[in-house]
Amino acid sequence: MSELQTTARPYAKALFKSAKENNALDKNFDMLKNLKVILCDENIKAIVSNDSFDNKYKVSLLTGVLEESFDENFVRFISLLAENNRLLVIDEIVDLYGNYFQEEKNLKTAKIDTAFELSSDQIDAIKLVLEKRFNKKIEIEQNLDSTLLAGAVVRIDDLVIDGSLREQLRKLESQLI
């Protein structure tokens, strides 16, 4: 576990708990992702990491960019991050919040690498099998990988299901040797 995740955990937990109490899990997740996008900008990152700017300026800069998308509670959250010099651990906060969010919604994300675009029927079939195996709702993220000749590689959490032609050829080779 990285030190940044350890630093980010109490902030992600507190935001998640507050969002759950206010029935705003989705809204807060969207605001967090928007904040992450803002903080990816190199100019903003330079200002946020510069101690010569006070926290009020940093918060007003961040909230001013997307003022209509941040509510009062979230602005207080940004202020807390600024006061504690934790704005730059936003990636870890978003990841942890996302994990809590998926657990709460009984979701898992399956990342599928394929050589070619899958049809909606193929995606539905894969989704059905994975939902049955994990007993959770599955969201599919498809990635095209030109290094694969055929087949697919499915990743869910730490599990990797390699059904690629490359893997099948590797297994065949090891059986022949």
C-alpha atoms as a PDB file:
ATOM      1  CA  MET A   1       0.000   0.000   0.000  1.00  0.00           C
ATOM      2  CA  SER A   2       1.477   3.304  -0.973  1.00  0.00           C
ATOM      3  CA  GLU A   3       2.086   6.131   1.435  1.00  0.00           C
ATOM      4  CA  LEU A   4      -0.131   8.381  -0.684  1.00  0.00           C
ATOM      5  CA  GLN A   5      -3.058   5.978  -0.290  1.00  0.00           C
ATOM      6  CA  THR A   6      -2.529   5.965   3.457  1.00  0.00           C
ATOM      7  CA  THR A   7      -2.609   9.762   3.409  1.00  0.00           C
ATOM      8  CA  ALA A   8      -5.679   9.867   1.171  1.00  0.00           C
ATOM      9  CA  ARG A   9      -7.750   7.215   2.972  1.00  0.00           C
ATOM     10  CA  PRO A  10      -9.226   9.361   5.785  1.00  0.00           C
ATOM     11  CA  TYR A  11     -10.288  12.043   3.288  1.00  0.00           C
ATOM     12  CA  ALA A  12     -11.889   9.524   0.929  1.00  0.00           C
ATOM     13  CA  LYS A  13     -13.665   7.790   3.823  1.00  0.00           C
ATOM     14  CA  ALA A  14     -14.945  11.044   5.297  1.00  0.00           C
ATOM     15  CA  LEU A  15     -16.214  12.289   1.937  1.00  0.00           C
ATOM     16  CA  PHE A  16     -17.849   8.940   1.219  1.00  0.00           C
ATOM     17  CA  LYS A  17     -19.523   8.824   4.624  1.00  0.00           C
ATOM     18  CA  SER A  18     -20.826  12.373   4.221  1.00  0.00           C
ATOM     19  CA  ALA A  19     -22.044  11.644   0.686  1.00  0.00           C
ATOM     20  CA  LYS A  20     -23.816   8.509   1.848  1.00  0.00           C
ATOM     21  CA  GLU A  21     -25.558  10.383   4.663  1.00  0.00           C
ATOM     22  CA  ASN A  22     -26.674  13.089   2.206  1.00  0.00           C
ATOM     23  CA  ASN A  23     -27.651  10.599  -0.509  1.00  0.00           C
ATOM     24  CA  ALA A  24     -25.079  12.173  -2.838  1.00  0.00           C
ATOM     25  CA  LEU A  25     -22.712   9.309  -3.683  1.00  0.00           C
ATOM     26  CA  ASP A  26     -22.956   9.799  -7.459  1.00  0.00           C
ATOM     27  CA  LYS A  27     -22.842  13.597  -7.270  1.00  0.00           C
ATOM     28  CA  ASN A  28     -19.750  13.609  -5.028  1.00  0.00           C
ATOM     29  CA  PHE A  29     -18.012  11.069  -7.241  1.00  0.00           C
ATOM     30  CA  ASP A  30     -18.621  13.332 -10.255  1.00  0.00           C
ATOM     31  CA  MET A  31     -17.338  16.385  -8.340  1.00  0.00           C
ATOM     32  CA  LEU A  32     -14.231  14.443  -7.261  1.00  0.00           C
ATOM     33  CA  LYS A  33     -13.505  13.417 -10.848  1.00  0.00           C
ATOM     34  CA  ASN A  34     -13.961  17.040 -11.975  1.00  0.00           C
ATOM     35  CA  LEU A  35     -11.529  18.202  -9.288  1.00  0.00           C
ATOM     36  CA  LYS A  36      -9.036  15.580 -10.451  1.00  0.00           C
ATOM     37  CA  VAL A  37      -9.275  16.880 -14.032  1.00  0.00           C
ATOM     38  CA  ILE A  38      -8.668  20.451 -12.840  1.00  0.00           C
ATOM     39  CA  LEU A  39      -5.664  19.395 -10.764  1.00  0.00           C
ATOM     40  CA  CYS A  40      -4.125  17.586 -13.752  1.00  0.00           C
ATOM     41  CA  ASP A  41      -3.479  20.943 -15.403  1.00  0.00           C
ATOM     42  CA  GLU A  42       0.226  21.754 -14.944  1.00  0.00           C
ATOM     43  CA  ASN A  43      -0.396  25.475 -14.296  1.00  0.00           C
ATOM     44  CA  ILE A  44      -2.959  24.793 -11.587  1.00  0.00           C
ATOM     45  CA  LYS A  45      -0.776  22.068 -10.095  1.00  0.00           C
ATOM     46  CA  ALA A  46       2.102  24.582  -9.898  1.00  0.00           C
ATOM     47  CA  ILE A  47      -0.087  27.097  -8.053  1.00  0.00           C
ATOM     48  CA  VAL A  48      -1.512  24.493  -5.667  1.00  0.00           C
ATOM     49  CA  SER A  49       1.940  23.190  -4.765  1.00  0.00           C
ATOM     50  CA  ASN A  50       3.374  26.714  -4.287  1.00  0.00           C
ATOM     51  CA  ASP A  51       3.319  27.770  -0.608  1.00  0.00           C
ATOM     52  CA  SER A  52       3.452  31.467  -1.511  1.00  0.00           C
ATOM     53  CA  PHE A  53      -0.252  31.295  -2.456  1.00  0.00           C
ATOM     54  CA  ASP A  54      -2.648  31.179   0.485  1.00  0.00           C
ATOM     55  CA  ASN A  55      -5.252  28.446   0.823  1.00  0.00           C
ATOM     56  CA  LYS A  56      -8.194  30.784   0.185  1.00  0.00           C
ATOM     57  CA  TYR A  57      -6.740  31.688  -3.196  1.00  0.00           C
ATOM     58  CA  LYS A  58      -6.148  28.020  -4.052  1.00  0.00           C
ATOM     59  CA  VAL A  59      -9.720  27.084  -3.114  1.00  0.00           C
ATOM     60  CA  SER A  60     -11.207  30.020  -5.018  1.00  0.00           C
ATOM     61  CA  LEU A  61      -9.099  29.118  -8.071  1.00  0.00           C
ATOM     62  CA  LEU A  62     -10.255  25.492  -8.012  1.00  0.00           C
ATOM     63  CA  THR A  63     -13.903  26.256  -7.341  1.00  0.00           C
ATOM     64  CA  GLY A  64     -13.935  29.123  -9.828  1.00  0.00           C
ATOM     65  CA  VAL A  65     -13.028  26.857 -12.728  1.00  0.00           C
ATOM     66  CA  LEU A  66     -16.132  24.696 -12.301  1.00  0.00           C
ATOM     67  CA  GLU A  67     -18.142  26.676  -9.769  1.00  0.00           C
ATOM     68  CA  GLU A  68     -21.496  25.384 -10.982  1.00  0.00           C
ATOM     69  CA  SER A  69     -20.492  21.755 -10.435  1.00  0.00           C
ATOM     70  CA  PHE A  70     -19.300  22.082  -6.808  1.00  0.00           C
ATOM     71  CA  ASP A  71     -21.757  22.349  -3.919  1.00  0.00           C
ATOM     72  CA  GLU A  72     -21.094  24.017  -0.556  1.00  0.00           C
ATOM     73  CA  ASN A  73     -20.113  20.777   1.220  1.00  0.00           C
ATOM     74  CA  PHE A  74     -17.647  19.906  -1.520  1.00  0.00           C
ATOM     75  CA  VAL A  75     -16.094  23.378  -1.372  1.00  0.00           C
ATOM     76  CA  ARG A  76     -15.515  22.780   2.361  1.00  0.00           C
ATOM     77  CA  PHE A  77     -13.885  19.465   1.447  1.00  0.00           C
ATOM     78  CA  ILE A  78     -11.564  21.254  -1.002  1.00  0.00           C
ATOM     79  CA  SER A  79     -10.744  23.807   1.729  1.00  0.00           C
ATOM     80  CA  LEU A  80      -9.857  20.998   4.114  1.00  0.00           C
ATOM     81  CA  LEU A  81      -7.559  19.432   1.522  1.00  0.00           C
ATOM     82  CA  ALA A  82      -5.908  22.812   0.895  1.00  0.00           C
ATOM     83  CA  GLU A  83      -5.416  23.525   4.617  1.00  0.00           C
ATOM     84  CA  ASN A  84      -3.726  20.167   5.104  1.00  0.00           C
ATOM     85  CA  ASN A  85      -1.684  20.340   1.875  1.00  0.00           C
ATOM     86  CA  ARG A  86      -3.469  17.284   0.483  1.00  0.00           C
ATOM     87  CA  LEU A  87      -4.757  18.580  -2.844  1.00  0.00           C
ATOM     88  CA  LEU A  88      -2.092  16.681  -4.748  1.00  0.00           C
ATOM     89  CA  VAL A  89      -3.261  13.291  -3.419  1.00  0.00           C
ATOM     90  CA  ILE A  90      -6.504  13.695  -5.370  1.00  0.00           C
ATOM     91  CA  ASP A  91      -5.723  10.702  -7.621  1.00  0.00           C
ATOM     92  CA  GLU A  92      -5.582   8.399  -4.610  1.00  0.00           C
ATOM     93  CA  ILE A  93      -8.703   9.957  -3.064  1.00  0.00           C
ATOM     94  CA  VAL A  94     -10.621   9.384  -6.310  1.00  0.00           C
ATOM     95  CA  ASP A  95      -9.395   5.767  -6.529  1.00  0.00           C
ATOM     96  CA  LEU A  96     -10.330   5.000  -2.924  1.00  0.00           C
ATOM     97  CA  TYR A  97     -13.709   6.737  -3.214  1.00  0.00           C
ATOM     98  CA  GLY A  98     -14.308   4.745  -6.399  1.00  0.00           C
ATOM     99  CA  ASN A  99     -13.573   1.512  -4.533  1.00  0.00           C
ATOM    100  CA  TYR A 100     -15.999   2.442  -1.741  1.00  0.00           C
ATOM    101  CA  PHE A 101     -18.551   3.504  -4.341  1.00  0.00           C
ATOM    102  CA  GLN A 102     -18.324   0.216  -6.241  1.00  0.00           C
ATOM    103  CA  GLU A 103     -18.574  -1.786  -3.026  1.00  0.00           C
ATOM    104  CA  GLU A 104     -21.655   0.186  -1.949  1.00  0.00           C
ATOM    105  CA  LYS A 105     -23.325  -0.224  -5.348  1.00  0.00           C
ATOM    106  CA  ASN A 106     -22.306  -3.925  -5.545  1.00  0.00           C
ATOM    107  CA  LEU A 107     -20.329  -3.224  -8.744  1.00  0.00           C
ATOM    108  CA  LYS A 108     -17.106  -4.438 -10.284  1.00  0.00           C
ATOM    109  CA  THR A 109     -15.326  -3.130 -13.354  1.00  0.00           C
ATOM    110  CA  ALA A 110     -14.025  -5.589 -15.912  1.00  0.00           C
ATOM    111  CA  LYS A 111     -11.337  -4.292 -18.239  1.00  0.00           C
ATOM    112  CA  ILE A 112     -11.297  -6.238 -21.485  1.00  0.00           C
ATOM    113  CA  ASP A 113      -8.443  -5.993 -23.986  1.00  0.00           C
ATOM    114  CA  THR A 114      -9.309  -7.218 -27.481  1.00  0.00           C
ATOM    115  CA  ALA A 115      -7.809  -6.919 -30.951  1.00  0.00           C
ATOM    116  CA  PHE A 116     -11.146  -5.857 -32.433  1.00  0.00           C
ATOM    117  CA  GLU A 117     -14.263  -4.059 -31.213  1.00  0.00           C
ATOM    118  CA  LEU A 118     -16.722  -6.440 -29.540  1.00  0.00           C
ATOM    119  CA  SER A 119     -20.368  -6.400 -30.565  1.00  0.00           C
ATOM    120  CA  SER A 120     -22.987  -5.486 -27.992  1.00  0.00           C
ATOM    121  CA  ASP A 121     -24.129  -9.144 -27.942  1.00  0.00           C
ATOM    122  CA  GLN A 122     -20.585 -10.306 -27.163  1.00  0.00           C
ATOM    123  CA  ILE A 123     -20.233  -7.707 -24.403  1.00  0.00           C
ATOM    124  CA  ASP A 124     -23.597  -8.733 -22.939  1.00  0.00           C
ATOM    125  CA  ALA A 125     -22.580 -12.406 -22.980  1.00  0.00           C
ATOM    126  CA  ILE A 126     -19.267 -11.669 -21.232  1.00  0.00           C
ATOM    127  CA  LYS A 127     -21.047  -9.427 -18.743  1.00  0.00           C
ATOM    128  CA  LEU A 128     -23.602 -12.149 -17.936  1.00  0.00           C
ATOM    129  CA  VAL A 129     -20.903 -14.770 -17.286  1.00  0.00           C
ATOM    130  CA  LEU A 130     -18.879 -12.399 -15.088  1.00  0.00           C
ATOM    131  CA  GLU A 131     -21.940 -11.259 -13.121  1.00  0.00           C
ATOM    132  CA  LYS A 132     -22.773 -14.890 -12.416  1.00  0.00           C
ATOM    133  CA  ARG A 133     -19.194 -15.669 -11.349  1.00  0.00           C
ATOM    134  CA  PHE A 134     -18.723 -12.625  -9.083  1.00  0.00           C
ATOM    135  CA  ASN A 135     -22.348 -12.217  -7.962  1.00  0.00           C
ATOM    136  CA  LYS A 136     -22.065  -8.473  -8.625  1.00  0.00           C
ATOM    137  CA  LYS A 137     -23.109  -6.075 -11.334  1.00  0.00           C
ATOM    138  CA  ILE A 138     -20.312  -5.738 -13.869  1.00  0.00           C
ATOM    139  CA  GLU A 139     -19.332  -2.656 -15.825  1.00  0.00           C
ATOM    140  CA  ILE A 140     -17.283  -3.322 -18.947  1.00  0.00           C
ATOM    141  CA  GLU A 141     -14.392  -1.136 -20.093  1.00  0.00           C
ATOM    142  CA  GLN A 142     -13.134  -2.261 -23.476  1.00  0.00           C
ATOM    143  CA  ASN A 143      -9.663  -1.425 -24.712  1.00  0.00           C
ATOM    144  CA  LEU A 144      -8.416  -2.193 -28.206  1.00  0.00           C
ATOM    145  CA  ASP A 145      -4.955  -3.753 -28.147  1.00  0.00           C
ATOM    146  CA  SER A 146      -3.353  -4.143 -31.566  1.00  0.00           C
ATOM    147  CA  THR A 147      -0.726  -6.526 -30.159  1.00  0.00           C
ATOM    148  CA  LEU A 148      -3.406  -9.180 -29.643  1.00  0.00           C
ATOM    149  CA  LEU A 149      -4.111 -11.278 -32.727  1.00  0.00           C
ATOM    150  CA  ALA A 150      -7.399 -12.687 -31.496  1.00  0.00           C
ATOM    151  CA  GLY A 151      -9.192 -13.502 -28.250  1.00  0.00           C
ATOM    152  CA  ALA A 152      -9.407 -11.322 -25.174  1.00  0.00           C
ATOM    153  CA  VAL A 153      -7.748 -10.576 -21.863  1.00  0.00           C
ATOM    154  CA  VAL A 154     -10.152  -9.805 -19.009  1.00  0.00           C
ATOM    155  CA  ARG A 155      -9.003  -8.088 -15.811  1.00  0.00           C
ATOM    156  CA  ILE A 156     -11.130  -7.735 -12.684  1.00  0.00           C
ATOM    157  CA  ASP A 157      -9.325  -6.595  -9.556  1.00  0.00           C
ATOM    158  CA  ASP A 158      -6.325  -8.950  -9.304  1.00  0.00           C
ATOM    159  CA  LEU A 159      -7.823 -11.670 -11.503  1.00  0.00           C
ATOM    160  CA  VAL A 160      -6.599 -11.953 -15.100  1.00  0.00           C
ATOM    161  CA  ILE A 161      -8.359 -14.268 -17.530  1.00  0.00           C
ATOM    162  CA  ASP A 162      -6.131 -14.549 -20.586  1.00  0.00           C
ATOM    163  CA  GLY A 163      -8.039 -15.982 -23.533  1.00  0.00           C
ATOM    164  CA  SER A 164      -5.800 -14.417 -26.133  1.00  0.00           C
ATOM    165  CA  LEU A 165      -4.424 -16.365 -29.063  1.00  0.00           C
ATOM    166  CA  ARG A 166      -0.915 -15.512 -27.854  1.00  0.00           C
ATOM    167  CA  GLU A 167      -1.601 -17.245 -24.504  1.00  0.00           C
ATOM    168  CA  GLN A 168      -3.149 -20.264 -26.212  1.00  0.00           C
ATOM    169  CA  LEU A 169      -0.081 -20.585 -28.440  1.00  0.00           C
ATOM    170  CA  ARG A 170       2.201 -20.280 -25.405  1.00  0.00           C
ATOM    171  CA  LYS A 171       0.309 -23.095 -23.640  1.00  0.00           C
ATOM    172  CA  LEU A 172       0.467 -25.253 -26.756  1.00  0.00           C
ATOM    173  CA  GLU A 173       4.203 -24.656 -27.007  1.00  0.00           C
ATOM    174  CA  SER A 174       4.778 -25.655 -23.384  1.00  0.00           C
ATOM    175  CA  GLN A 175       2.774 -28.877 -23.917  1.00  0.00           C
ATOM    176  CA  LEU A 176       4.820 -29.773 -26.968  1.00  0.00           C
ATOM    177  CA  ILE A 177       8.152 -29.285 -25.239  1.00  0.00           C
END
